[in-house]
Amino acid sequence: MDQPVTPFDFGRMFLGDAPVLFYAEILVRTVLIYGYTLLLIRWIGGRSVAQLSMVDTLLVIALGSAVGDATFYDDVPLLHAMLVITVIVGMNKLIDTLNERSSRFKHIIDGRTVAIVSEGRILPEGLAHRDLSALEVQAMLRSAGISNLGEVEAAYLEAGGGLSVFRRALPLPGLSLVPAYGVLPRSLRQDRPPPRGETACCIWCGAIHRVHGDVPCPDCGKRSWTEPAIPRPRPGASD
């Protein structure tokens, strides 16, 4: 029968039951496993964190478990861990090779680029494809330096998760993203529904229509409208 655990046993918490010499073994294990993993990672080629694909992210997660367990668990043989690491890295290398040779295979593994903004309007079908909300897209556009949807000719969510934005040469009136709907303090925003029959801008997708009463947006189905805002000129932009 296992001995009951004594709460706040600092010897158990910090040292455990292993002999002191086991710390030297942990050091050797860590150096060997880290060095071996580093060699394999160099073999498959490194990417920055911003460039990690779904497969690369899975590689990081799987390696984290395999590498971590082998460094300090005494019942995990090093050769077992090295075999697991080799198989994981080898599978990643194989998938990368197949991605380079077949665009169809790459689309199956990594997905496809999705258009999420077109001509100053957020595309509901693009949001549905990537399970995004309009507020999330607006936040991504602000991170890219976009203050008004009228500045955007097109925006694409890449397979790796990055956002590619193409600006209009001449911005048009559109939905202002600054201050943003849903961002405090709300008092900063000057939203007011335009008069009936006037041009209005949907505060969710940015579509511009002539509004006759409390009608849903033909593009996204929402019923919240505001006046289109004129984009501020960019510094250095030609007149």
Protein backbone atom coordinates (compact mmCIF):
# COMPACT_ATOMS: atom_id res chain seq x y z
CA MET A 1 0.00 0.00 0.00
CA ASP A 2 1.34 3.43 -0.96
CA GLN A 3 2.38 5.73 1.84
CA PRO A 4 0.08 8.73 2.31
CA VAL A 5 1.42 12.00 0.93
CA THR A 6 2.58 14.48 3.54
CA PRO A 7 1.50 18.00 2.53
CA PHE A 8 4.26 20.61 2.28
CA ASP A 9 7.04 18.07 2.57
CA PHE A 10 9.75 20.34 1.13
CA GLY A 11 12.21 17.49 0.75
CA ARG A 12 9.72 15.67 -1.48
CA MET A 13 8.70 18.87 -3.28
CA PHE A 14 12.23 19.98 -4.23
CA LEU A 15 14.43 16.88 -4.11
CA GLY A 16 12.11 13.92 -4.58
CA ASP A 17 13.19 10.38 -3.73
CA ALA A 18 16.02 10.05 -6.25
CA PRO A 19 19.65 10.09 -5.08
CA VAL A 20 21.63 13.30 -5.49
CA LEU A 21 23.74 11.73 -8.26
CA PHE A 22 20.60 11.55 -10.39
CA TYR A 23 20.95 15.30 -10.97
CA ALA A 24 24.13 14.56 -12.91
CA GLU A 25 22.20 12.00 -14.99
CA ILE A 26 19.51 14.60 -15.71
CA LEU A 27 22.24 16.93 -16.97
CA VAL A 28 23.64 14.25 -19.30
CA ARG A 29 20.16 13.26 -20.50
CA THR A 30 19.27 16.88 -21.26
CA VAL A 31 22.47 17.56 -23.19
CA LEU A 32 22.15 14.37 -25.27
CA ILE A 33 18.46 14.75 -26.06
CA TYR A 34 18.73 18.48 -26.77
CA GLY A 35 21.74 18.03 -29.03
CA TYR A 36 20.17 15.13 -30.92
CA THR A 37 16.90 17.03 -31.42
CA LEU A 38 18.76 20.14 -32.55
CA LEU A 39 20.60 18.15 -35.23
CA LEU A 40 17.32 16.76 -36.57
CA ILE A 41 15.66 20.18 -36.56
CA ARG A 42 18.61 21.57 -38.51
CA TRP A 43 18.16 18.72 -40.98
CA ILE A 44 14.53 19.56 -41.74
CA GLY A 45 15.24 23.32 -41.82
CA GLY A 46 14.13 25.95 -39.35
CA ARG A 47 11.23 28.38 -39.62
CA SER A 48 10.37 31.42 -37.59
CA VAL A 49 7.40 31.18 -35.25
CA ALA A 50 5.35 33.42 -37.57
CA GLN A 51 5.87 30.93 -40.41
CA LEU A 52 4.85 27.78 -38.56
CA SER A 53 2.23 25.76 -40.39
CA MET A 54 -0.25 23.43 -38.74
CA VAL A 55 2.13 20.49 -39.29
CA ASP A 56 5.05 22.44 -37.79
CA THR A 57 2.95 23.34 -34.77
CA LEU A 58 2.10 19.68 -34.27
CA LEU A 59 5.82 18.90 -34.57
CA VAL A 60 6.62 21.34 -31.76
CA ILE A 61 3.93 19.86 -29.50
CA ALA A 62 4.99 16.26 -30.15
CA LEU A 63 8.69 17.00 -29.69
CA GLY A 64 7.98 18.88 -26.48
CA SER A 65 6.49 15.75 -24.93
CA ALA A 66 9.14 13.35 -26.27
CA VAL A 67 12.07 15.58 -25.35
CA GLY A 68 10.76 16.61 -21.96
CA ASP A 69 9.97 13.12 -20.68
CA ALA A 70 13.39 11.73 -21.58
CA THR A 71 15.32 14.43 -19.76
CA PHE A 72 14.21 13.73 -16.20
CA TYR A 73 12.16 10.51 -16.05
CA ASP A 74 14.49 7.71 -14.97
CA ASP A 75 12.25 5.00 -16.46
CA VAL A 76 12.40 6.45 -20.01
CA PRO A 77 15.41 5.01 -21.90
CA LEU A 78 17.23 7.51 -24.07
CA LEU A 79 17.11 5.25 -27.13
CA HIS A 80 13.32 5.03 -26.83
CA ALA A 81 13.05 8.81 -26.77
CA MET A 82 15.50 9.18 -29.66
CA LEU A 83 13.46 6.74 -31.75
CA VAL A 84 10.27 8.70 -31.08
CA ILE A 85 11.99 11.99 -31.94
CA THR A 86 13.44 10.51 -35.13
CA VAL A 87 10.05 9.19 -36.29
CA ILE A 88 8.30 12.52 -35.54
CA VAL A 89 10.92 14.58 -37.38
CA GLY A 90 11.04 12.07 -40.25
CA MET A 91 7.25 12.26 -40.71
CA ASN A 92 7.44 16.05 -40.73
CA LYS A 93 10.17 15.93 -43.37
CA LEU A 94 8.10 13.52 -45.48
CA ILE A 95 5.04 15.78 -45.28
CA ASP A 96 7.15 18.81 -46.28
CA THR A 97 8.47 16.88 -49.29
CA LEU A 98 4.97 15.86 -50.36
CA ASN A 99 3.78 19.45 -49.90
CA GLU A 100 6.47 20.64 -52.30
CA ARG A 101 5.57 18.05 -54.92
CA SER A 102 1.79 18.19 -54.76
CA SER A 103 -0.31 21.33 -54.32
CA ARG A 104 -3.37 19.15 -53.75
CA PHE A 105 -1.67 17.37 -50.85
CA LYS A 106 -0.57 20.74 -49.42
CA HIS A 107 -4.14 22.03 -49.54
CA ILE A 108 -5.35 18.91 -47.73
CA ILE A 109 -2.75 19.29 -44.97
CA ASP A 110 -2.45 23.07 -44.59
CA GLY A 111 -5.76 24.26 -46.03
CA ARG A 112 -6.27 27.02 -48.59
CA THR A 113 -5.96 30.76 -48.63
CA VAL A 114 -9.35 32.39 -47.94
CA ALA A 115 -10.55 35.82 -49.04
CA ILE A 116 -12.04 37.61 -46.03
CA VAL A 117 -12.31 41.19 -47.35
CA SER A 118 -13.15 42.39 -50.84
CA GLU A 119 -13.70 45.98 -52.00
CA GLY A 120 -14.01 47.31 -48.47
CA ARG A 121 -16.50 44.64 -47.35
CA ILE A 122 -15.94 41.72 -44.97
CA LEU A 123 -17.03 38.48 -46.64
CA PRO A 124 -19.36 36.36 -44.48
CA GLU A 125 -18.52 33.24 -46.51
CA GLY A 126 -14.83 33.72 -45.72
CA LEU A 127 -15.61 34.10 -42.02
CA ALA A 128 -17.67 30.91 -42.05
CA HIS A 129 -14.88 29.00 -43.79
CA ARG A 130 -12.36 29.86 -41.05
CA ASP A 131 -14.87 30.10 -38.18
CA LEU A 132 -14.06 33.77 -37.54
CA SER A 133 -16.21 36.66 -36.38
CA ALA A 134 -16.34 40.10 -37.96
CA LEU A 135 -14.85 41.60 -34.78
CA GLU A 136 -11.85 39.27 -35.05
CA VAL A 137 -11.25 40.31 -38.65
CA GLN A 138 -11.55 43.99 -37.72
CA ALA A 139 -8.94 43.44 -34.98
CA MET A 140 -6.60 41.75 -37.47
CA LEU A 141 -6.98 44.65 -39.87
CA ARG A 142 -6.21 47.17 -37.14
CA SER A 143 -3.07 45.18 -36.35
CA ALA A 144 -2.11 45.60 -40.01
CA GLY A 145 -2.50 49.38 -39.73
CA ILE A 146 -5.95 49.63 -41.33
CA SER A 147 -8.25 52.24 -39.77
CA ASN A 148 -11.10 52.08 -42.30
CA LEU A 149 -12.45 49.27 -44.46
CA GLY A 150 -12.58 51.70 -47.34
CA GLU A 151 -8.78 51.48 -47.48
CA VAL A 152 -8.86 47.76 -48.29
CA GLU A 153 -9.09 46.43 -51.81
CA ALA A 154 -8.67 42.81 -50.66
CA ALA A 155 -7.48 40.86 -47.64
CA TYR A 156 -6.63 37.17 -47.50
CA LEU A 157 -6.15 34.82 -44.58
CA GLU A 158 -3.27 32.60 -45.60
CA ALA A 159 -3.13 28.86 -44.93
CA GLY A 160 -0.49 29.46 -42.24
CA GLY A 161 -2.70 31.96 -40.41
CA GLY A 162 -1.07 35.18 -41.62
CA LEU A 163 -3.10 38.07 -43.01
CA SER A 164 -2.26 39.60 -46.40
CA VAL A 165 -3.77 43.04 -46.99
CA PHE A 166 -3.86 44.98 -50.27
CA ARG A 167 -4.71 48.66 -49.96
CA ARG A 168 -6.66 50.76 -52.42
CA ALA A 169 -4.68 53.37 -54.30
CA LEU A 170 -7.55 55.79 -53.59
CA PRO A 171 -9.46 54.92 -50.38
CA LEU A 172 -13.25 55.17 -50.43
CA PRO A 173 -15.70 55.92 -47.60
CA GLY A 174 -16.29 52.83 -45.49
CA LEU A 175 -16.59 51.40 -41.99
CA SER A 176 -14.29 53.10 -39.51
CA LEU A 177 -12.34 50.58 -37.41
CA VAL A 178 -10.98 53.23 -35.02
CA PRO A 179 -12.51 53.65 -32.51
CA ALA A 180 -13.80 50.13 -32.90
CA TYR A 181 -17.23 48.73 -32.27
CA GLY A 182 -17.04 46.62 -29.13
CA VAL A 183 -13.93 48.41 -27.82
CA LEU A 184 -14.19 50.52 -24.69
CA PRO A 185 -14.80 53.34 -24.11
CA ARG A 186 -17.86 53.31 -26.33
CA SER A 187 -18.30 57.08 -25.82
CA LEU A 188 -15.46 57.68 -28.29
CA ARG A 189 -17.52 56.37 -31.17
CA GLN A 190 -19.87 58.68 -33.02
CA ASP A 191 -22.23 56.03 -34.44
CA ARG A 192 -25.63 57.25 -35.49
CA PRO A 193 -28.00 55.67 -37.99
CA PRO A 194 -28.25 57.68 -41.19
CA PRO A 195 -31.63 59.04 -42.32
CA ARG A 196 -33.93 56.68 -44.19
CA GLY A 197 -33.08 56.31 -47.83
CA GLU A 198 -29.53 57.52 -47.28
CA THR A 199 -26.34 55.52 -47.78
CA ALA A 200 -25.52 53.50 -44.66
CA CYS A 201 -22.65 51.26 -43.61
CA CYS A 202 -23.13 47.97 -41.77
CA ILE A 203 -21.02 48.06 -38.60
CA TRP A 204 -20.36 44.31 -38.83
CA CYS A 205 -19.31 43.61 -42.42
CA GLY A 206 -18.82 47.15 -43.75
CA ALA A 207 -21.22 46.72 -46.69
CA ILE A 208 -22.71 49.99 -47.92
CA HIS A 209 -26.37 50.15 -48.94
CA ARG A 210 -29.27 52.56 -49.05
CA VAL A 211 -31.29 51.89 -45.93
CA HIS A 212 -35.10 52.12 -45.83
CA GLY A 213 -36.13 51.56 -42.24
CA ASP A 214 -34.91 48.92 -39.81
CA VAL A 215 -33.80 46.37 -42.39
CA PRO A 216 -31.13 43.65 -42.15
CA CYS A 217 -27.90 43.98 -44.08
CA PRO A 218 -28.24 42.08 -47.39
CA ASP A 219 -24.68 40.75 -46.95
CA CYS A 220 -24.48 39.58 -43.33
CA GLY A 221 -28.05 39.86 -42.02
CA LYS A 222 -27.22 42.24 -39.13
CA ARG A 223 -29.37 45.29 -38.41
CA SER A 224 -26.76 47.75 -37.10
CA TRP A 225 -25.95 50.69 -39.35
CA THR A 226 -23.82 53.80 -39.21
CA GLU A 227 -22.71 56.52 -41.58
CA PRO A 228 -19.76 55.66 -43.83
CA ALA A 229 -16.59 57.36 -42.66
CA ILE A 230 -14.05 58.98 -44.94
CA PRO A 231 -10.62 57.36 -44.44
CA ARG A 232 -7.89 59.59 -43.11
CA PRO A 233 -5.10 60.20 -45.62
CA ARG A 234 -1.98 58.16 -45.02
CA PRO A 235 1.21 60.04 -44.26
CA GLY A 236 3.16 60.52 -47.46
CA ALA A 237 0.22 59.60 -49.70
CA SER A 238 -0.04 61.62 -52.87
CA ASP A 239 -3.00 63.87 -53.39
